[in-house]
Amino acid sequence: MTITLYGIPNCDSVKKARTLLDSRGVAYAFHDYKKLGVPELALRRWVGAKGRDVVLNRKGTTWRALDDAQKASVVDDESAVALMLAHPSVIKRPVVEIAENDATRFVVGLDLDALPTS
């Protein structure tokens, strides 16, 4: 099993997910997308698997700080991906990518029960 946790280190939800995985002894790679950027192909996989309305965080301060034209520009997956690439802080955090046995699943947002136990 390969696990990658995407997020930013100072986010409370990311901190909670990392603490839980660490306490369970789960090995994972942390991808800080403030420093490393958001991989476009990964973002497209998340949107394809979970839907843009799950991945795009419309409740956070970054979304609220966008002007009305930027918010209105999100009309489909392409425009949502473009906005999230330009403003990574509007991506719901954390995103955990779990690859196992030729299948990959994604946990978007803080869902402690959905995170691996070992």
PDB file of N, CA and C in Angstrom:
ATOM      1  N   MET A   1       0.858  -1.172   0.000  1.00  0.00           N
ATOM      2  CA  MET A   1       0.000   0.000   0.000  1.00  0.00           C
ATOM      3  C   MET A   1       0.903   1.234   0.000  1.00  0.00           C
ATOM      4  N   THR A   2       0.556   2.182  -0.857  1.00  0.00           N
ATOM      5  CA  THR A   2       1.259   3.453  -0.921  1.00  0.00           C
ATOM      6  C   THR A   2       0.275   4.561  -0.588  1.00  0.00           C
ATOM      7  N   ILE A   3       0.648   5.400   0.364  1.00  0.00           N
ATOM      8  CA  ILE A   3      -0.241   6.466   0.816  1.00  0.00           C
ATOM      9  C   ILE A   3       0.472   7.802   0.674  1.00  0.00           C
ATOM     10  N   THR A   4      -0.222   8.745   0.065  1.00  0.00           N
ATOM     11  CA  THR A   4       0.276  10.112  -0.016  1.00  0.00           C
ATOM     12  C   THR A   4      -0.780  11.028   0.573  1.00  0.00           C
ATOM     13  N   LEU A   5      -0.358  11.859   1.506  1.00  0.00           N
ATOM     14  CA  LEU A   5      -1.243  12.843   2.114  1.00  0.00           C
ATOM     15  C   LEU A   5      -0.854  14.204   1.545  1.00  0.00           C
ATOM     16  N   TYR A   6      -1.811  14.857   0.900  1.00  0.00           N
ATOM     17  CA  TYR A   6      -1.598  16.171   0.302  1.00  0.00           C
ATOM     18  C   TYR A   6      -2.226  17.228   1.196  1.00  0.00           C
ATOM     19  N   GLY A   7      -1.511  18.328   1.367  1.00  0.00           N
ATOM     20  CA  GLY A   7      -2.059  19.420   2.152  1.00  0.00           C
ATOM     21  C   GLY A   7      -0.992  20.440   2.475  1.00  0.00           C
ATOM     22  N   ILE A   8      -1.272  21.234   3.495  1.00  0.00           N
ATOM     23  CA  ILE A   8      -0.306  22.216   3.976  1.00  0.00           C
ATOM     24  C   ILE A   8      -0.097  21.959   5.465  1.00  0.00           C
ATOM     25  N   PRO A   9       1.139  22.092   5.935  1.00  0.00           N
ATOM     26  CA  PRO A   9       1.449  21.640   7.292  1.00  0.00           C
ATOM     27  C   PRO A   9       0.765  22.416   8.409  1.00  0.00           C
ATOM     28  N   ASN A  10       0.376  23.655   8.183  1.00  0.00           N
ATOM     29  CA  ASN A  10      -0.223  24.429   9.274  1.00  0.00           C
ATOM     30  C   ASN A  10      -1.745  24.316   9.336  1.00  0.00           C
ATOM     31  N   CYS A  11      -2.349  23.520   8.477  1.00  0.00           N
ATOM     32  CA  CYS A  11      -3.799  23.312   8.476  1.00  0.00           C
ATOM     33  C   CYS A  11      -4.175  22.350   9.608  1.00  0.00           C
ATOM     34  N   ASP A  12      -5.153  22.720  10.416  1.00  0.00           N
ATOM     35  CA  ASP A  12      -5.563  21.879  11.544  1.00  0.00           C
ATOM     36  C   ASP A  12      -6.045  20.503  11.101  1.00  0.00           C
ATOM     37  N   SER A  13      -6.797  20.435  10.014  1.00  0.00           N
ATOM     38  CA  SER A  13      -7.293  19.143   9.528  1.00  0.00           C
ATOM     39  C   SER A  13      -6.145  18.255   9.065  1.00  0.00           C
ATOM     40  N   VAL A  14      -5.169  18.841   8.414  1.00  0.00           N
ATOM     41  CA  VAL A  14      -3.992  18.088   7.975  1.00  0.00           C
ATOM     42  C   VAL A  14      -3.210  17.607   9.196  1.00  0.00           C
ATOM     43  N   LYS A  15      -3.049  18.462  10.181  1.00  0.00           N
ATOM     44  CA  LYS A  15      -2.344  18.075  11.411  1.00  0.00           C
ATOM     45  C   LYS A  15      -3.035  16.887  12.080  1.00  0.00           C
ATOM     46  N   LYS A  16      -4.359  16.926  12.158  1.00  0.00           N
ATOM     47  CA  LYS A  16      -5.106  15.835  12.791  1.00  0.00           C
ATOM     48  C   LYS A  16      -4.936  14.535  12.017  1.00  0.00           C
ATOM     49  N   ALA A  17      -5.005  14.607  10.691  1.00  0.00           N
ATOM     50  CA  ALA A  17      -4.843  13.403   9.870  1.00  0.00           C
ATOM     51  C   ALA A  17      -3.437  12.832  10.027  1.00  0.00           C
ATOM     52  N   ARG A  18      -2.430  13.690  10.008  1.00  0.00           N
ATOM     53  CA  ARG A  18      -1.046  13.227  10.161  1.00  0.00           C
ATOM     54  C   ARG A  18      -0.831  12.602  11.533  1.00  0.00           C
ATOM     55  N   THR A  19      -1.380  13.230  12.567  1.00  0.00           N
ATOM     56  CA  THR A  19      -1.245  12.698  13.924  1.00  0.00           C
ATOM     57  C   THR A  19      -1.892  11.324  14.024  1.00  0.00           C
ATOM     58  N   LEU A  20      -3.068  11.168  13.433  1.00  0.00           N
ATOM     59  CA  LEU A  20      -3.755   9.878  13.478  1.00  0.00           C
ATOM     60  C   LEU A  20      -2.959   8.811  12.734  1.00  0.00           C
ATOM     61  N   LEU A  21      -2.508   9.120  11.523  1.00  0.00           N
ATOM     62  CA  LEU A  21      -1.723   8.145  10.763  1.00  0.00           C
ATOM     63  C   LEU A  21      -0.448   7.774  11.519  1.00  0.00           C
ATOM     64  N   ASP A  22       0.221   8.770  12.088  1.00  0.00           N
ATOM     65  CA  ASP A  22       1.435   8.501  12.869  1.00  0.00           C
ATOM     66  C   ASP A  22       1.128   7.602  14.064  1.00  0.00           C
ATOM     67  N   SER A  23       0.023   7.865  14.765  1.00  0.00           N
ATOM     68  CA  SER A  23      -0.321   7.067  15.947  1.00  0.00           C
ATOM     69  C   SER A  23      -0.672   5.630  15.578  1.00  0.00           C
ATOM     70  N   ARG A  24      -1.138   5.438  14.354  1.00  0.00           N
ATOM     71  CA  ARG A  24      -1.472   4.091  13.878  1.00  0.00           C
ATOM     72  C   ARG A  24      -0.267   3.391  13.258  1.00  0.00           C
ATOM     73  N   GLY A  25       0.848   4.097  13.169  1.00  0.00           N
ATOM     74  CA  GLY A  25       2.041   3.507  12.564  1.00  0.00           C
ATOM     75  C   GLY A  25       1.937   3.341  11.062  1.00  0.00           C
ATOM     76  N   VAL A  26       1.106   4.148  10.427  1.00  0.00           N
ATOM     77  CA  VAL A  26       0.898   4.063   8.979  1.00  0.00           C
ATOM     78  C   VAL A  26       1.974   4.886   8.271  1.00  0.00           C
ATOM     79  N   ALA A  27       2.689   4.249   7.361  1.00  0.00           N
ATOM     80  CA  ALA A  27       3.709   4.953   6.574  1.00  0.00           C
ATOM     81  C   ALA A  27       3.024   5.719   5.444  1.00  0.00           C
ATOM     82  N   TYR A  28       3.424   6.962   5.255  1.00  0.00           N
ATOM     83  CA  TYR A  28       2.846   7.783   4.192  1.00  0.00           C
ATOM     84  C   TYR A  28       3.848   8.848   3.786  1.00  0.00           C
ATOM     85  N   ALA A  29       3.670   9.358   2.597  1.00  0.00           N
ATOM     86  CA  ALA A  29       4.456  10.497   2.128  1.00  0.00           C
ATOM     87  C   ALA A  29       3.590  11.739   2.283  1.00  0.00           C
ATOM     88  N   PHE A  30       4.196  12.818   2.742  1.00  0.00           N
ATOM     89  CA  PHE A  30       3.468  14.080   2.863  1.00  0.00           C
ATOM     90  C   PHE A  30       3.875  14.991   1.716  1.00  0.00           C
ATOM     91  N   HIS A  31       2.883  15.465   0.971  1.00  0.00           N
ATOM     92  CA  HIS A  31       3.123  16.384  -0.145  1.00  0.00           C
ATOM     93  C   HIS A  31       2.585  17.753   0.255  1.00  0.00           C
ATOM     94  N   ASP A  32       3.507  18.656   0.570  1.00  0.00           N
ATOM     95  CA  ASP A  32       3.156  20.025   0.956  1.00  0.00           C
ATOM     96  C   ASP A  32       2.951  20.828  -0.319  1.00  0.00           C
ATOM     97  N   TYR A  33       1.702  21.072  -0.677  1.00  0.00           N
ATOM     98  CA  TYR A  33       1.494  21.737  -1.957  1.00  0.00           C
ATOM     99  C   TYR A  33       1.658  23.242  -1.897  1.00  0.00           C
ATOM    100  N   LYS A  34       1.938  23.786  -0.737  1.00  0.00           N
ATOM    101  CA  LYS A  34       2.363  25.193  -0.684  1.00  0.00           C
ATOM    102  C   LYS A  34       3.805  25.304  -1.184  1.00  0.00           C
ATOM    103  N   LYS A  35       4.617  24.302  -0.859  1.00  0.00           N
ATOM    104  CA  LYS A  35       6.022  24.307  -1.283  1.00  0.00           C
ATOM    105  C   LYS A  35       6.228  23.606  -2.622  1.00  0.00           C
ATOM    106  N   LEU A  36       5.533  22.495  -2.827  1.00  0.00           N
ATOM    107  CA  LEU A  36       5.772  21.653  -3.997  1.00  0.00           C
ATOM    108  C   LEU A  36       4.766  21.870  -5.117  1.00  0.00           C
ATOM    109  N   GLY A  37       3.728  22.628  -4.839  1.00  0.00           N
ATOM    110  CA  GLY A  37       2.674  22.814  -5.825  1.00  0.00           C
ATOM    111  C   GLY A  37       1.709  21.641  -5.826  1.00  0.00           C
ATOM    112  N   VAL A  38       0.625  21.820  -6.532  1.00  0.00           N
ATOM    113  CA  VAL A  38      -0.375  20.764  -6.658  1.00  0.00           C
ATOM    114  C   VAL A  38      -0.166  20.098  -8.013  1.00  0.00           C
ATOM    115  N   PRO A  39       0.102  18.797  -8.027  1.00  0.00           N
ATOM    116  CA  PRO A  39       0.257  18.119  -9.312  1.00  0.00           C
ATOM    117  C   PRO A  39      -1.079  18.136 -10.072  1.00  0.00           C
ATOM    118  N   GLU A  40      -1.057  18.683 -11.272  1.00  0.00           N
ATOM    119  CA  GLU A  40      -2.299  18.812 -12.036  1.00  0.00           C
ATOM    120  C   GLU A  40      -2.958  17.463 -12.280  1.00  0.00           C
ATOM    121  N   LEU A  41      -2.162  16.448 -12.613  1.00  0.00           N
ATOM    122  CA  LEU A  41      -2.757  15.128 -12.868  1.00  0.00           C
ATOM    123  C   LEU A  41      -3.416  14.565 -11.611  1.00  0.00           C
ATOM    124  N   ALA A  42      -2.801  14.781 -10.459  1.00  0.00           N
ATOM    125  CA  ALA A  42      -3.410  14.325  -9.202  1.00  0.00           C
ATOM    126  C   ALA A  42      -4.722  15.061  -8.955  1.00  0.00           C
ATOM    127  N   LEU A  43      -4.712  16.372  -9.154  1.00  0.00           N
ATOM    128  CA  LEU A  43      -5.927  17.167  -8.956  1.00  0.00           C
ATOM    129  C   LEU A  43      -7.042  16.683  -9.883  1.00  0.00           C
ATOM    130  N   ARG A  44      -6.700  16.387 -11.114  1.00  0.00           N
ATOM    131  CA  ARG A  44      -7.707  15.872 -12.059  1.00  0.00           C
ATOM    132  C   ARG A  44      -8.239  14.507 -11.615  1.00  0.00           C
ATOM    133  N   ARG A  45      -7.365  13.670 -11.048  1.00  0.00           N
ATOM    134  CA  ARG A  45      -7.825  12.364 -10.531  1.00  0.00           C
ATOM    135  C   ARG A  45      -8.806  12.567  -9.382  1.00  0.00           C
ATOM    136  N   TRP A  46      -8.493  13.506  -8.478  1.00  0.00           N
ATOM    137  CA  TRP A  46      -9.371  13.748  -7.334  1.00  0.00           C
ATOM    138  C   TRP A  46     -10.734  14.232  -7.795  1.00  0.00           C
ATOM    139  N   VAL A  47     -10.731  15.185  -8.714  1.00  0.00           N
ATOM    140  CA  VAL A  47     -11.997  15.731  -9.223  1.00  0.00           C
ATOM    141  C   VAL A  47     -12.767  14.648  -9.972  1.00  0.00           C
ATOM    142  N   GLY A  48     -12.055  13.830 -10.758  1.00  0.00           N
ATOM    143  CA  GLY A  48     -12.713  12.749 -11.491  1.00  0.00           C
ATOM    144  C   GLY A  48     -13.330  11.710 -10.571  1.00  0.00           C
ATOM    145  N   ALA A  49     -12.649  11.407  -9.482  1.00  0.00           N
ATOM    146  CA  ALA A  49     -13.123  10.367  -8.568  1.00  0.00           C
ATOM    147  C   ALA A  49     -14.169  10.878  -7.581  1.00  0.00           C
ATOM    148  N   LYS A  50     -13.993  12.087  -7.075  1.00  0.00           N
ATOM    149  CA  LYS A  50     -14.852  12.593  -6.005  1.00  0.00           C
ATOM    150  C   LYS A  50     -15.811  13.697  -6.431  1.00  0.00           C
ATOM    151  N   GLY A  51     -15.501  14.350  -7.552  1.00  0.00           N
ATOM    152  CA  GLY A  51     -16.339  15.458  -8.009  1.00  0.00           C
ATOM    153  C   GLY A  51     -15.789  16.792  -7.545  1.00  0.00           C
ATOM    154  N   ARG A  52     -15.955  17.801  -8.383  1.00  0.00           N
ATOM    155  CA  ARG A  52     -15.395  19.126  -8.057  1.00  0.00           C
ATOM    156  C   ARG A  52     -16.035  19.736  -6.819  1.00  0.00           C
ATOM    157  N   ASP A  53     -17.296  19.415  -6.569  1.00  0.00           N
ATOM    158  CA  ASP A  53     -17.965  20.006  -5.411  1.00  0.00           C
ATOM    159  C   ASP A  53     -17.446  19.446  -4.091  1.00  0.00           C
ATOM    160  N   VAL A  54     -16.815  18.280  -4.130  1.00  0.00           N
ATOM    161  CA  VAL A  54     -16.191  17.717  -2.932  1.00  0.00           C
ATOM    162  C   VAL A  54     -14.784  18.285  -2.756  1.00  0.00           C
ATOM    163  N   VAL A  55     -14.036  18.378  -3.844  1.00  0.00           N
ATOM    164  CA  VAL A  55     -12.631  18.801  -3.770  1.00  0.00           C
ATOM    165  C   VAL A  55     -12.501  20.308  -3.561  1.00  0.00           C
ATOM    166  N   LEU A  56     -13.384  21.081  -4.151  1.00  0.00           N
ATOM    167  CA  LEU A  56     -13.340  22.541  -4.034  1.00  0.00           C
ATOM    168  C   LEU A  56     -13.996  22.966  -2.719  1.00  0.00           C
ATOM    169  N   ASN A  57     -13.228  23.608  -1.860  1.00  0.00           N
ATOM    170  CA  ASN A  57     -13.726  24.029  -0.550  1.00  0.00           C
ATOM    171  C   ASN A  57     -14.337  25.423  -0.658  1.00  0.00           C
ATOM    172  N   ARG A  58     -15.652  25.468  -0.744  1.00  0.00           N
ATOM    173  CA  ARG A  58     -16.364  26.746  -0.858  1.00  0.00           C
ATOM    174  C   ARG A  58     -16.675  27.366   0.505  1.00  0.00           C
ATOM    175  N   LYS A  59     -16.221  26.730   1.577  1.00  0.00           N
ATOM    176  CA  LYS A  59     -16.497  27.247   2.921  1.00  0.00           C
ATOM    177  C   LYS A  59     -15.300  27.958   3.540  1.00  0.00           C
ATOM    178  N   GLY A  60     -14.133  27.812   2.952  1.00  0.00           N
ATOM    179  CA  GLY A  60     -12.918  28.355   3.548  1.00  0.00           C
ATOM    180  C   GLY A  60     -12.709  29.833   3.285  1.00  0.00           C
ATOM    181  N   THR A  61     -11.740  30.381   3.986  1.00  0.00           N
ATOM    182  CA  THR A  61     -11.457  31.813   3.861  1.00  0.00           C
ATOM    183  C   THR A  61     -10.905  32.177   2.490  1.00  0.00           C
ATOM    184  N   THR A  62     -10.169  31.278   1.863  1.00  0.00           N
ATOM    185  CA  THR A  62      -9.630  31.589   0.531  1.00  0.00           C
ATOM    186  C   THR A  62     -10.762  31.754  -0.472  1.00  0.00           C
ATOM    187  N   TRP A  63     -11.746  30.864  -0.430  1.00  0.00           N
ATOM    188  CA  TRP A  63     -12.894  30.980  -1.333  1.00  0.00           C
ATOM    189  C   TRP A  63     -13.641  32.288  -1.076  1.00  0.00           C
ATOM    190  N   ARG A  64     -13.867  32.582   0.181  1.00  0.00           N
ATOM    191  CA  ARG A  64     -14.606  33.800   0.516  1.00  0.00           C
ATOM    192  C   ARG A  64     -13.857  35.059   0.091  1.00  0.00           C
ATOM    193  N   ALA A  65     -12.532  34.977   0.023  1.00  0.00           N
ATOM    194  CA  ALA A  65     -11.730  36.140  -0.377  1.00  0.00           C
ATOM    195  C   ALA A  65     -11.704  36.354  -1.892  1.00  0.00           C
ATOM    196  N   LEU A  66     -12.124  35.349  -2.658  1.00  0.00           N
ATOM    197  CA  LEU A  66     -12.154  35.499  -4.116  1.00  0.00           C
ATOM    198  C   LEU A  66     -13.237  36.494  -4.507  1.00  0.00           C
ATOM    199  N   ASP A  67     -13.014  37.182  -5.614  1.00  0.00           N
ATOM    200  CA  ASP A  67     -14.062  38.101  -6.065  1.00  0.00           C
ATOM    201  C   ASP A  67     -15.185  37.307  -6.735  1.00  0.00           C
ATOM    202  N   ASP A  68     -16.316  37.947  -6.910  1.00  0.00           N
ATOM    203  CA  ASP A  68     -17.498  37.261  -7.442  1.00  0.00           C
ATOM    204  C   ASP A  68     -17.254  36.683  -8.829  1.00  0.00           C
ATOM    205  N   ALA A  69     -16.465  37.362  -9.645  1.00  0.00           N
ATOM    206  CA  ALA A  69     -16.179  36.867 -10.995  1.00  0.00           C
ATOM    207  C   ALA A  69     -15.391  35.558 -10.936  1.00  0.00           C
ATOM    208  N   GLN A  70     -14.432  35.465 -10.021  1.00  0.00           N
ATOM    209  CA  GLN A  70     -13.663  34.226  -9.884  1.00  0.00           C
ATOM    210  C   GLN A  70     -14.560  33.087  -9.417  1.00  0.00           C
ATOM    211  N   LYS A  71     -15.418  33.369  -8.467  1.00  0.00           N
ATOM    212  CA  LYS A  71     -16.339  32.336  -7.982  1.00  0.00           C
ATOM    213  C   LYS A  71     -17.283  31.890  -9.090  1.00  0.00           C
ATOM    214  N   ALA A  72     -17.801  32.845  -9.838  1.00  0.00           N
ATOM    215  CA  ALA A  72     -18.747  32.534 -10.913  1.00  0.00           C
ATOM    216  C   ALA A  72     -18.084  31.809 -12.073  1.00  0.00           C
ATOM    217  N   SER A  73     -16.760  31.893 -12.165  1.00  0.00           N
ATOM    218  CA  SER A  73     -16.057  31.248 -13.277  1.00  0.00           C
ATOM    219  C   SER A  73     -16.033  29.728 -13.155  1.00  0.00           C
ATOM    220  N   VAL A  74     -16.361  29.197 -11.987  1.00  0.00           N
ATOM    221  CA  VAL A  74     -16.354  27.749 -11.779  1.00  0.00           C
ATOM    222  C   VAL A  74     -17.683  27.183 -12.268  1.00  0.00           C
ATOM    223  N   VAL A  75     -17.665  26.690 -13.498  1.00  0.00           N
ATOM    224  CA  VAL A  75     -18.894  26.188 -14.114  1.00  0.00           C
ATOM    225  C   VAL A  75     -18.796  24.715 -14.507  1.00  0.00           C
ATOM    226  N   ASP A  76     -17.577  24.167 -14.511  1.00  0.00           N
ATOM    227  CA  ASP A  76     -17.376  22.773 -14.884  1.00  0.00           C
ATOM    228  C   ASP A  76     -16.061  22.297 -14.269  1.00  0.00           C
ATOM    229  N   ASP A  77     -15.708  21.034 -14.530  1.00  0.00           N
ATOM    230  CA  ASP A  77     -14.487  20.483 -13.946  1.00  0.00           C
ATOM    231  C   ASP A  77     -13.247  21.253 -14.386  1.00  0.00           C
ATOM    232  N   GLU A  78     -13.175  21.613 -15.662  1.00  0.00           N
ATOM    233  CA  GLU A  78     -12.008  22.333 -16.178  1.00  0.00           C
ATOM    234  C   GLU A  78     -11.806  23.656 -15.456  1.00  0.00           C
ATOM    235  N   SER A  79     -12.860  24.422 -15.308  1.00  0.00           N
ATOM    236  CA  SER A  79     -12.727  25.722 -14.644  1.00  0.00           C
ATOM    237  C   SER A  79     -12.436  25.550 -13.153  1.00  0.00           C
ATOM    238  N   ALA A  80     -12.965  24.500 -12.548  1.00  0.00           N
ATOM    239  CA  ALA A  80     -12.671  24.235 -11.137  1.00  0.00           C
ATOM    240  C   ALA A  80     -11.200  23.869 -10.960  1.00  0.00           C
ATOM    241  N   VAL A  81     -10.689  23.014 -11.836  1.00  0.00           N
ATOM    242  CA  VAL A  81      -9.275  22.629 -11.773  1.00  0.00           C
ATOM    243  C   VAL A  81      -8.389  23.850 -11.974  1.00  0.00           C
ATOM    244  N   ALA A  82      -8.727  24.686 -12.939  1.00  0.00           N
ATOM    245  CA  ALA A  82      -7.931  25.894 -13.197  1.00  0.00           C
ATOM    246  C   ALA A  82      -7.889  26.794 -11.964  1.00  0.00           C
ATOM    247  N   LEU A  83      -9.026  26.973 -11.314  1.00  0.00           N
ATOM    248  CA  LEU A  83      -9.068  27.813 -10.116  1.00  0.00           C
ATOM    249  C   LEU A  83      -8.246  27.192  -8.990  1.00  0.00           C
ATOM    250  N   MET A  84      -8.359  25.879  -8.804  1.00  0.00           N
ATOM    251  CA  MET A  84      -7.618  25.216  -7.733  1.00  0.00           C
ATOM    252  C   MET A  84      -6.113  25.225  -7.990  1.00  0.00           C
ATOM    253  N   LEU A  85      -5.713  25.152  -9.245  1.00  0.00           N
ATOM    254  CA  LEU A  85      -4.286  25.262  -9.558  1.00  0.00           C
ATOM    255  C   LEU A  85      -3.773  26.667  -9.264  1.00  0.00           C
ATOM    256  N   ALA A  86      -4.591  27.661  -9.553  1.00  0.00           N
ATOM    257  CA  ALA A  86      -4.195  29.057  -9.309  1.00  0.00           C
ATOM    258  C   ALA A  86      -4.250  29.418  -7.826  1.00  0.00           C
ATOM    259  N   HIS A  87      -5.168  28.788  -7.094  1.00  0.00           N
ATOM    260  CA  HIS A  87      -5.369  29.088  -5.667  1.00  0.00           C
ATOM    261  C   HIS A  87      -5.465  27.765  -4.893  1.00  0.00           C
ATOM    262  N   PRO A  88      -4.335  27.089  -4.647  1.00  0.00           N
ATOM    263  CA  PRO A  88      -4.376  25.767  -4.007  1.00  0.00           C
ATOM    264  C   PRO A  88      -5.066  25.737  -2.646  1.00  0.00           C
ATOM    265  N   SER A  89      -5.152  26.862  -1.980  1.00  0.00           N
ATOM    266  CA  SER A  89      -5.792  26.864  -0.659  1.00  0.00           C
ATOM    267  C   SER A  89      -7.299  26.645  -0.733  1.00  0.00           C
ATOM    268  N   VAL A  90      -7.890  26.660  -1.931  1.00  0.00           N
ATOM    269  CA  VAL A  90      -9.321  26.358  -2.040  1.00  0.00           C
ATOM    270  C   VAL A  90      -9.581  24.857  -2.162  1.00  0.00           C
ATOM    271  N   ILE A  91      -8.520  24.057  -2.150  1.00  0.00           N
ATOM    272  CA  ILE A  91      -8.689  22.601  -2.182  1.00  0.00           C
ATOM    273  C   ILE A  91      -8.995  22.132  -0.764  1.00  0.00           C
ATOM    274  N   LYS A  92     -10.044  21.328  -0.643  1.00  0.00           N
ATOM    275  CA  LYS A  92     -10.413  20.782   0.674  1.00  0.00           C
ATOM    276  C   LYS A  92      -9.254  19.927   1.177  1.00  0.00           C
ATOM    277  N   ARG A  93      -8.957  20.072   2.455  1.00  0.00           N
ATOM    278  CA  ARG A  93      -7.807  19.376   3.020  1.00  0.00           C
ATOM    279  C   ARG A  93      -8.230  18.480   4.186  1.00  0.00           C
ATOM    280  N   PRO A  94      -7.423  17.433   4.353  1.00  0.00           N
ATOM    281  CA  PRO A  94      -6.380  16.926   3.473  1.00  0.00           C
ATOM    282  C   PRO A  94      -6.977  16.099   2.348  1.00  0.00           C
ATOM    283  N   VAL A  95      -6.142  15.787   1.369  1.00  0.00           N
ATOM    284  CA  VAL A  95      -6.486  14.775   0.373  1.00  0.00           C
ATOM    285  C   VAL A  95      -5.513  13.626   0.601  1.00  0.00           C
ATOM    286  N   VAL A  96      -6.055  12.446   0.830  1.00  0.00           N
ATOM    287  CA  VAL A  96      -5.227  11.266   1.055  1.00  0.00           C
ATOM    288  C   VAL A  96      -5.468  10.313  -0.108  1.00  0.00           C
ATOM    289  N   GLU A  97      -4.378   9.970  -0.768  1.00  0.00           N
ATOM    290  CA  GLU A  97      -4.423   9.063  -1.916  1.00  0.00           C
ATOM    291  C   GLU A  97      -3.868   7.723  -1.448  1.00  0.00           C
ATOM    292  N   ILE A  98      -4.679   6.672  -1.568  1.00  0.00           N
ATOM    293  CA  ILE A  98      -4.311   5.349  -1.077  1.00  0.00           C
ATOM    294  C   ILE A  98      -4.316   4.386  -2.258  1.00  0.00           C
ATOM    295  N   ALA A  99      -3.123   3.941  -2.648  1.00  0.00           N
ATOM    296  CA  ALA A  99      -2.985   3.018  -3.780  1.00  0.00           C
ATOM    297  C   ALA A  99      -2.681   1.628  -3.234  1.00  0.00           C
ATOM    298  N   GLU A 100      -3.507   0.670  -3.647  1.00  0.00           N
ATOM    299  CA  GLU A 100      -3.344  -0.695  -3.157  1.00  0.00           C
ATOM    300  C   GLU A 100      -3.930  -1.667  -4.170  1.00  0.00           C
ATOM    301  N   ASN A 101      -3.163  -2.695  -4.496  1.00  0.00           N
ATOM    302  CA  ASN A 101      -3.640  -3.750  -5.398  1.00  0.00           C
ATOM    303  C   ASN A 101      -4.213  -3.194  -6.698  1.00  0.00           C
ATOM    304  N   ASP A 102      -3.473  -2.352  -7.376  1.00  0.00           N
ATOM    305  CA  ASP A 102      -3.877  -1.778  -8.667  1.00  0.00           C
ATOM    306  C   ASP A 102      -5.141  -0.926  -8.594  1.00  0.00           C
ATOM    307  N   ALA A 103      -5.527  -0.504  -7.418  1.00  0.00           N
ATOM    308  CA  ALA A 103      -6.679   0.389  -7.262  1.00  0.00           C
ATOM    309  C   ALA A 103      -6.255   1.564  -6.383  1.00  0.00           C
ATOM    310  N   THR A 104      -6.843   2.700  -6.653  1.00  0.00           N
ATOM    311  CA  THR A 104      -6.544   3.890  -5.857  1.00  0.00           C
ATOM    312  C   THR A 104      -7.847   4.476  -5.354  1.00  0.00           C
ATOM    313  N   ARG A 105      -7.860   4.818  -4.086  1.00  0.00           N
ATOM    314  CA  ARG A 105      -9.020   5.509  -3.529  1.00  0.00           C
ATOM    315  C   ARG A 105      -8.542   6.805  -2.896  1.00  0.00           C
ATOM    316  N   PHE A 106      -9.476   7.716  -2.725  1.00  0.00           N
ATOM    317  CA  PHE A 106      -9.157   9.046  -2.231  1.00  0.00           C
ATOM    318  C   PHE A 106     -10.052   9.388  -1.051  1.00  0.00           C
ATOM    319  N   VAL A 107      -9.451  10.000  -0.043  1.00  0.00           N
ATOM    320  CA  VAL A 107     -10.197  10.546   1.082  1.00  0.00           C
ATOM    321  C   VAL A 107      -9.985  12.054   1.012  1.00  0.00           C
ATOM    322  N   VAL A 108     -11.071  12.792   0.839  1.00  0.00           N
ATOM    323  CA  VAL A 108     -10.989  14.250   0.718  1.00  0.00           C
ATOM    324  C   VAL A 108     -11.646  14.872   1.941  1.00  0.00           C
ATOM    325  N   GLY A 109     -10.896  15.699   2.642  1.00  0.00           N
ATOM    326  CA  GLY A 109     -11.389  16.289   3.874  1.00  0.00           C
ATOM    327  C   GLY A 109     -11.041  15.398   5.050  1.00  0.00           C
ATOM    328  N   LEU A 110     -11.304  15.881   6.224  1.00  0.00           N
ATOM    329  CA  LEU A 110     -10.947  15.149   7.435  1.00  0.00           C
ATOM    330  C   LEU A 110     -12.018  14.110   7.737  1.00  0.00           C
ATOM    331  N   ASP A 111     -11.739  12.869   7.333  1.00  0.00           N
ATOM    332  CA  ASP A 111     -12.621  11.736   7.589  1.00  0.00           C
ATOM    333  C   ASP A 111     -11.766  10.676   8.271  1.00  0.00           C
ATOM    334  N   LEU A 112     -11.635  10.789   9.571  1.00  0.00           N
ATOM    335  CA  LEU A 112     -10.723   9.925  10.318  1.00  0.00           C
ATOM    336  C   LEU A 112     -11.065   8.448  10.173  1.00  0.00           C
ATOM    337  N   ASP A 113     -12.346   8.126  10.067  1.00  0.00           N
ATOM    338  CA  ASP A 113     -12.753   6.727   9.941  1.00  0.00           C
ATOM    339  C   ASP A 113     -12.355   6.123   8.600  1.00  0.00           C
ATOM    340  N   ALA A 114     -12.147   6.947   7.588  1.00  0.00           N
ATOM    341  CA  ALA A 114     -11.800   6.448   6.258  1.00  0.00           C
ATOM    342  C   ALA A 114     -10.293   6.288   6.063  1.00  0.00           C
ATOM    343  N   LEU A 115      -9.508   6.770   7.020  1.00  0.00           N
ATOM    344  CA  LEU A 115      -8.052   6.677   6.892  1.00  0.00           C
ATOM    345  C   LEU A 115      -7.577   5.273   7.245  1.00  0.00           C
ATOM    346  N   PRO A 116      -6.493   4.829   6.616  1.00  0.00           N
ATOM    347  CA  PRO A 116      -5.979   3.476   6.876  1.00  0.00           C
ATOM    348  C   PRO A 116      -5.623   3.271   8.349  1.00  0.00           C
ATOM    349  N   THR A 117      -5.786   2.040   8.792  1.00  0.00           N
ATOM    350  CA  THR A 117      -5.477   1.712  10.181  1.00  0.00           C
ATOM    351  C   THR A 117      -4.116   1.049  10.323  1.00  0.00           C
ATOM    352  N   SER A 118      -3.536   0.623   9.222  1.00  0.00           N
ATOM    353  CA  SER A 118      -2.195   0.012   9.291  1.00  0.00           C
ATOM    354  C   SER A 118      -1.512   0.125   7.954  1.00  0.00           C
TER     355      SER A 118
END
